């Protein structure tokens, strides 16, 4: 069998392989899961398999496989029949990214044409939860009456952030984080030193894509460290200081998402420590600090903080007002 170049998610690869082998390819798929879990990698592998010219698809060497690639080192595939649509910067006062209706209309124009050299025209729409209402409704028309030669792959953090009418027209594959040992092994195979591979595997929470990004992007880890330092300071800060911080953070949606992600991992660790749960910590570099703070917190406080952060992330994916969201969240966190 062909190697799809996807680490983990074996069940999803096998499902897609069977649909290809049996000639039962759906017109639309929805890959869900946390950021960095491998949705884009699987989508590109599927695009290669759909248009590969070898018997054992995807071969990884034919013109189609080479042009589609795996997305490493560039902004997307170069195959004329494969399109990658991503959120673009939008807004003036608040830096946010969204998929706009003009992007969907441009894509629909391309999808109406017959493939140039492949079997299918494949469109990968990443982070479709960022689509504005007009764009989502426009794509729904294509999902309702898709051309025979078109395969759409949408990605999102979870299915319920999208319109139910869109989800109902897609086959949903929910990708879950990998075991930490699998992430560590993948990093070691790429030449990452053992101690650093172990550290990044824990920080990743099973998201290989995030771990690989952290290997090459030192700023990612620096920002994480700063967000955790900010959180520790804010736990002892006044309401006014918390409001001021929320106002600044909310100006950049990307920063707000990163902060929520870092804070959630921190509070999950605190919940593990306060409940004496024998599970590995994500923030292994801050174990001493976590244990010291856990002595001043109750498990109930840690649970409420985790719930508040999950609730904030849920609402952010549904285009909630970022400043109000950040203010409510910081007021909900305990003072210690």
Protein backbone atom coordinates (compact mmCIF):
# COMPACT_ATOMS: atom_id res chain seq x y z
CA UNK A 1 0.00 0.00 0.00
CA UNK A 2 1.11 3.54 -0.71
CA UNK A 3 2.62 5.63 2.07
CA UNK A 4 0.46 8.70 2.58
CA UNK A 5 3.14 10.45 4.63
CA UNK A 6 0.71 10.96 7.51
CA UNK A 7 1.92 10.17 11.03
CA UNK A 8 -0.89 8.75 13.13
CA UNK A 9 -4.59 8.98 12.22
CA UNK A 10 -4.33 5.50 10.68
CA UNK A 11 -8.07 4.95 10.86
CA UNK A 12 -8.74 8.10 8.82
CA UNK A 13 -6.16 7.17 6.18
CA UNK A 14 -7.61 3.65 5.91
CA UNK A 15 -11.14 5.03 5.54
CA UNK A 16 -10.06 7.33 2.71
CA UNK A 17 -8.08 4.51 1.07
CA UNK A 18 -11.15 2.27 1.07
CA UNK A 19 -13.31 5.00 -0.46
CA UNK A 20 -10.74 5.44 -3.24
CA UNK A 21 -10.36 1.71 -3.87
CA UNK A 22 -14.11 1.18 -3.95
CA UNK A 23 -14.88 4.20 -6.10
CA UNK A 24 -16.97 5.75 -3.31
CA UNK A 25 -15.29 9.15 -3.01
CA UNK A 26 -17.61 11.71 -1.43
CA UNK A 27 -18.00 15.19 -2.84
CA UNK A 28 -17.26 16.84 0.51
CA UNK A 29 -15.29 16.02 3.65
CA UNK A 30 -14.84 17.84 6.93
CA UNK A 31 -11.63 17.18 8.90
CA UNK A 32 -11.93 18.42 12.49
CA UNK A 33 -9.49 18.60 15.39
CA UNK A 34 -7.32 21.06 17.32
CA UNK A 35 -4.87 23.33 15.51
CA UNK A 36 -1.67 21.52 14.56
CA UNK A 37 -3.15 18.02 14.83
CA UNK A 38 -2.61 17.19 11.13
CA UNK A 39 -5.77 18.23 9.27
CA UNK A 40 -3.88 20.08 6.51
CA UNK A 41 -1.37 17.25 6.12
CA UNK A 42 -4.14 14.68 5.70
CA UNK A 43 -6.04 16.93 3.27
CA UNK A 44 -2.99 17.32 1.03
CA UNK A 45 -2.27 13.59 1.19
CA UNK A 46 -5.86 12.91 0.12
CA UNK A 47 -5.50 15.40 -2.75
CA UNK A 48 -2.36 13.54 -3.90
CA UNK A 49 -4.17 10.20 -3.73
CA UNK A 50 -7.11 11.56 -5.72
CA UNK A 51 -4.97 12.82 -8.59
CA UNK A 52 -1.93 10.49 -8.51
CA UNK A 53 -1.26 8.84 -11.87
CA UNK A 54 0.35 5.69 -10.44
CA UNK A 55 -1.45 2.42 -9.72
CA UNK A 56 -0.61 2.56 -6.01
CA UNK A 57 -1.86 5.99 -4.98
CA UNK A 58 -0.33 8.29 -3.84
CA UNK A 59 3.08 7.32 -5.18
CA UNK A 60 4.78 10.53 -4.08
CA UNK A 61 6.86 10.75 -7.25
CA UNK A 62 4.56 11.43 -10.22
CA UNK A 63 3.94 14.94 -11.53
CA UNK A 64 0.65 15.25 -9.64
CA UNK A 65 2.10 14.15 -6.30
CA UNK A 66 5.12 16.41 -6.75
CA UNK A 67 3.06 19.48 -7.64
CA UNK A 68 0.59 18.98 -4.81
CA UNK A 69 3.38 18.20 -2.33
CA UNK A 70 2.83 18.16 1.40
CA UNK A 71 2.82 21.89 2.03
CA UNK A 72 6.26 22.00 3.66
CA UNK A 73 8.24 25.11 2.90
CA UNK A 74 5.63 26.80 0.72
CA UNK A 75 2.17 28.31 0.89
CA UNK A 76 0.39 25.38 -0.71
CA UNK A 77 0.05 23.06 -3.70
CA UNK A 78 1.12 24.10 -7.21
CA UNK A 79 -1.10 21.64 -9.06
CA UNK A 80 -3.55 23.41 -11.42
CA UNK A 81 -6.47 21.34 -10.14
CA UNK A 82 -5.84 21.75 -6.41
CA UNK A 83 -6.73 24.94 -4.55
CA UNK A 84 -5.93 25.87 -0.96
CA UNK A 85 -8.20 28.55 0.51
CA UNK A 86 -7.17 30.09 3.84
CA UNK A 87 -8.46 32.95 5.99
CA UNK A 88 -7.08 36.37 5.04
CA UNK A 89 -6.55 39.38 7.24
CA UNK A 90 -9.65 41.47 7.72
CA UNK A 91 -10.66 44.37 9.94
CA UNK A 92 -8.97 47.58 10.97
CA UNK A 93 -9.42 48.02 14.72
CA UNK A 94 -9.09 44.31 15.52
CA UNK A 95 -6.64 42.11 13.67
CA UNK A 96 -8.69 39.10 12.61
CA UNK A 97 -8.61 36.60 9.77
CA UNK A 98 -11.61 35.34 7.84
CA UNK A 99 -12.63 33.57 4.66
CA UNK A 100 -14.53 36.09 2.55
CA UNK A 101 -17.24 35.68 -0.04
CA UNK A 102 -14.98 36.85 -2.86
CA UNK A 103 -12.63 33.94 -2.10
CA UNK A 104 -15.52 31.48 -2.31
CA UNK A 105 -16.86 32.99 -5.53
CA UNK A 106 -13.41 32.85 -7.11
CA UNK A 107 -13.14 29.20 -6.05
CA UNK A 108 -16.58 28.41 -7.47
CA UNK A 109 -15.51 29.81 -10.83
CA UNK A 110 -12.54 27.42 -10.88
CA UNK A 111 -14.59 24.44 -9.73
CA UNK A 112 -17.04 24.90 -12.58
CA UNK A 113 -14.24 24.13 -15.06
CA UNK A 114 -13.20 20.61 -15.96
CA UNK A 115 -9.87 19.44 -14.47
CA UNK A 116 -6.80 20.57 -16.39
CA UNK A 117 -4.76 17.39 -15.91
CA UNK A 118 -6.07 15.54 -12.85
CA UNK A 119 -9.04 13.31 -12.13
CA UNK A 120 -10.57 15.82 -9.75
CA UNK A 121 -10.57 19.46 -8.91
CA UNK A 122 -9.80 19.48 -5.19
CA UNK A 123 -10.45 22.46 -2.94
CA UNK A 124 -9.08 22.54 0.61
CA UNK A 125 -10.73 25.23 2.73
CA UNK A 126 -8.74 25.58 5.95
CA UNK A 127 -10.15 26.87 9.24
CA UNK A 128 -13.60 27.18 7.75
CA UNK A 129 -14.91 28.30 11.14
CA UNK A 130 -13.35 31.64 10.12
CA UNK A 131 -15.68 31.96 7.11
CA UNK A 132 -18.00 34.94 7.39
CA UNK A 133 -21.75 34.22 7.02
CA UNK A 134 -21.87 35.31 3.38
CA UNK A 135 -18.95 33.05 2.46
CA UNK A 136 -20.44 30.08 4.33
CA UNK A 137 -23.81 30.50 2.63
CA UNK A 138 -22.17 30.86 -0.77
CA UNK A 139 -20.24 27.60 -0.32
CA UNK A 140 -23.45 25.85 0.72
CA UNK A 141 -24.75 26.24 -2.83
CA UNK A 142 -21.75 24.30 -4.17
CA UNK A 143 -22.21 21.63 -1.51
CA UNK A 144 -25.85 21.21 -2.49
CA UNK A 145 -25.09 20.76 -6.21
CA UNK A 146 -21.39 19.83 -6.54
CA UNK A 147 -19.92 19.21 -10.00
CA UNK A 148 -19.10 15.54 -10.58
CA UNK A 149 -15.35 16.18 -10.81
CA UNK A 150 -15.05 18.20 -7.58
CA UNK A 151 -13.96 17.12 -4.08
CA UNK A 152 -14.14 19.66 -1.26
CA UNK A 153 -12.17 19.24 1.98
CA UNK A 154 -13.04 21.63 4.80
CA UNK A 155 -11.09 21.81 8.04
CA UNK A 156 -12.28 23.22 11.37
CA UNK A 157 -11.55 22.83 15.07
CA UNK A 158 -14.88 21.09 15.56
CA UNK A 159 -18.00 20.40 13.54
CA UNK A 160 -20.42 22.39 15.68
CA UNK A 161 -18.72 25.69 14.87
CA UNK A 162 -20.08 25.41 11.30
CA UNK A 163 -23.58 25.68 9.90
CA UNK A 164 -25.44 22.38 10.42
CA UNK A 165 -26.46 22.46 6.76
CA UNK A 166 -22.77 22.45 5.78
CA UNK A 167 -21.81 19.67 8.19
CA UNK A 168 -24.69 17.48 7.03
CA UNK A 169 -23.35 17.53 3.47
CA UNK A 170 -19.83 16.43 4.49
CA UNK A 171 -18.31 13.19 5.71
CA UNK A 172 -16.81 14.18 9.06
CA UNK A 173 -13.44 12.81 10.19
CA UNK A 174 -12.48 13.93 13.69
CA UNK A 175 -8.69 13.83 14.17
CA UNK A 176 -7.52 13.47 17.75
CA UNK A 177 -4.11 14.30 19.28
CA UNK A 178 -1.43 11.63 18.94
CA UNK A 179 0.17 9.79 21.84
CA UNK A 180 3.14 11.77 23.15
CA UNK A 181 5.48 8.87 22.34
CA UNK A 182 4.43 9.12 18.68
CA UNK A 183 5.16 12.86 18.58
CA UNK A 184 8.51 12.32 20.29
CA UNK A 185 9.45 9.54 17.83
CA UNK A 186 8.55 11.74 14.86
CA UNK A 187 10.71 14.56 16.19
CA UNK A 188 13.64 12.21 16.84
CA UNK A 189 13.32 10.91 13.26
CA UNK A 190 13.76 14.50 12.08
CA UNK A 191 16.99 14.92 14.03
CA UNK A 192 15.63 16.78 17.05
CA UNK A 193 17.77 16.04 20.16
CA UNK A 194 16.13 13.63 22.61
CA UNK A 195 15.66 16.08 25.51
CA UNK A 196 14.17 18.74 23.25
CA UNK A 197 11.96 16.19 21.49
CA UNK A 198 10.60 15.07 24.84
CA UNK A 199 10.00 18.68 25.92
CA UNK A 200 8.19 19.65 22.71
CA UNK A 201 6.13 16.45 22.68
CA UNK A 202 4.75 17.33 26.12
CA UNK A 203 4.10 20.95 25.19
CA UNK A 204 2.34 19.91 21.97
CA UNK A 205 -0.36 17.93 23.73
CA UNK A 206 -0.18 15.39 20.91
CA UNK A 207 -0.27 17.91 18.05
CA UNK A 208 2.62 16.98 15.79
CA UNK A 209 2.10 20.00 13.54
CA UNK A 210 2.52 22.34 16.50
CA UNK A 211 5.65 20.49 17.65
CA UNK A 212 7.22 20.71 14.18
CA UNK A 213 6.44 24.41 14.01
CA UNK A 214 8.05 24.93 17.41
CA UNK A 215 11.24 23.23 16.18
CA UNK A 216 11.73 25.92 13.55
CA UNK A 217 9.97 28.91 15.11
CA UNK A 218 11.66 30.08 18.28
CA UNK A 219 9.18 32.95 18.56
CA UNK A 220 6.35 30.46 19.11
CA UNK A 221 7.95 29.23 22.33
CA UNK A 222 8.92 32.75 23.36
CA UNK A 223 5.31 33.92 23.01
CA UNK A 224 4.06 30.91 24.98
CA UNK A 225 6.48 31.73 27.80
CA UNK A 226 5.37 35.37 27.80
CA UNK A 227 1.68 34.45 27.94
CA UNK A 228 2.32 32.20 30.94
CA UNK A 229 4.32 34.94 32.67
CA UNK A 230 1.46 37.35 31.98
CA UNK A 231 -1.05 34.90 33.42
CA UNK A 232 0.91 34.50 36.65
CA UNK A 233 1.08 38.27 37.02
CA UNK A 234 -2.62 38.73 36.24
CA UNK A 235 -3.69 36.24 38.91
CA UNK A 236 -2.47 38.71 41.51
CA UNK A 237 -3.45 41.86 39.62
CA UNK A 238 -6.31 44.27 40.17
CA UNK A 239 -9.50 44.33 38.09
CA UNK A 240 -8.24 47.46 36.35
CA UNK A 241 -4.99 45.77 35.35
CA UNK A 242 -6.92 42.78 34.03
CA UNK A 243 -9.20 45.02 31.97
CA UNK A 244 -6.18 46.87 30.53
CA UNK A 245 -4.52 43.60 29.55
CA UNK A 246 -7.72 42.28 27.99
CA UNK A 247 -8.05 45.42 25.87
CA UNK A 248 -4.54 45.04 24.46
CA UNK A 249 -4.79 41.29 23.87
CA UNK A 250 -8.13 41.55 22.08
CA UNK A 251 -6.65 43.75 19.35
CA UNK A 252 -4.96 40.71 17.81
CA UNK A 253 -7.12 37.61 17.31
CA UNK A 254 -4.07 35.46 16.64
CA UNK A 255 -2.47 36.50 19.92
CA UNK A 256 -5.73 35.92 21.78
CA UNK A 257 -5.98 32.38 20.40
CA UNK A 258 -2.38 31.61 21.35
CA UNK A 259 -2.88 33.00 24.84
CA UNK A 260 -6.03 30.91 25.40
CA UNK A 261 -4.21 27.81 24.21
CA UNK A 262 -1.22 28.39 26.50
CA UNK A 263 -3.41 29.25 29.48
CA UNK A 264 -5.61 26.20 29.00
CA UNK A 265 -2.59 23.89 29.02
CA UNK A 266 -1.37 25.62 32.20
CA UNK A 267 -4.69 25.23 34.03
CA UNK A 268 -5.04 21.62 32.89
CA UNK A 269 -1.67 20.97 34.48
CA UNK A 270 -2.79 22.74 37.66
CA UNK A 271 -5.90 20.56 37.74
CA UNK A 272 -3.72 17.46 37.47
CA UNK A 273 -1.49 18.65 40.31
CA UNK A 274 -4.30 19.76 42.64
CA UNK A 275 -6.08 16.41 42.20
CA UNK A 276 -2.88 14.33 42.41
CA UNK A 277 -3.66 12.80 39.02
CA UNK A 278 -0.75 10.62 37.80
CA UNK A 279 -0.68 11.98 34.25
CA UNK A 280 2.19 13.73 32.45
CA UNK A 281 2.26 17.52 32.59
CA UNK A 282 2.36 19.58 29.40
CA UNK A 283 4.40 22.43 30.87
CA UNK A 284 7.24 20.31 32.20
CA UNK A 285 9.55 23.33 32.33
CA UNK A 286 7.27 24.93 34.92
CA UNK A 287 6.59 21.93 37.14
CA UNK A 288 8.05 23.56 40.25
CA UNK A 289 5.99 26.71 39.72
CA UNK A 290 2.84 24.65 39.12
CA UNK A 291 3.27 22.68 42.35
CA UNK A 292 3.87 25.86 44.34
CA UNK A 293 0.72 27.50 43.00
CA UNK A 294 -1.33 24.31 43.43
CA UNK A 295 -0.77 24.54 47.18
CA UNK A 296 -2.78 27.78 47.17
CA UNK A 297 -5.62 26.60 44.91
CA UNK A 298 -8.42 24.11 45.27
CA UNK A 299 -9.34 21.53 42.62
CA UNK A 300 -12.67 23.32 42.22
CA UNK A 301 -10.90 26.58 41.31
CA UNK A 302 -8.74 24.78 38.76
CA UNK A 303 -11.80 23.08 37.23
CA UNK A 304 -13.65 26.39 36.95
CA UNK A 305 -10.64 27.98 35.24
CA UNK A 306 -10.39 25.11 32.72
CA UNK A 307 -14.13 25.37 32.04
CA UNK A 308 -13.89 29.16 31.58
CA UNK A 309 -11.01 28.82 29.11
CA UNK A 310 -12.78 26.12 27.12
CA UNK A 311 -15.90 28.28 27.04
CA UNK A 312 -13.86 31.28 25.83
CA UNK A 313 -12.25 29.25 23.04
CA UNK A 314 -15.68 27.92 22.03
CA UNK A 315 -17.13 31.42 21.75
CA UNK A 316 -14.06 32.78 19.96
CA UNK A 317 -14.53 30.18 17.23
CA UNK A 318 -18.04 31.57 16.82
CA UNK A 319 -16.84 35.14 16.27
CA UNK A 320 -17.66 36.46 19.73
CA UNK A 321 -16.57 39.99 20.57
CA UNK A 322 -12.89 39.44 21.45
CA UNK A 323 -12.58 42.28 23.96
CA UNK A 324 -15.70 41.28 25.87
CA UNK A 325 -14.59 37.65 25.78
CA UNK A 326 -11.13 38.49 27.16
CA UNK A 327 -12.56 40.73 29.89
CA UNK A 328 -15.08 38.13 31.08
CA UNK A 329 -12.44 35.40 31.05
CA UNK A 330 -9.90 37.36 33.10
CA UNK A 331 -12.53 38.34 35.63
CA UNK A 332 -13.53 34.67 35.98
CA UNK A 333 -10.01 33.52 36.78
CA UNK A 334 -9.20 33.27 40.52
CA UNK A 335 -7.10 35.83 42.35
CA UNK A 336 -4.14 34.35 44.15
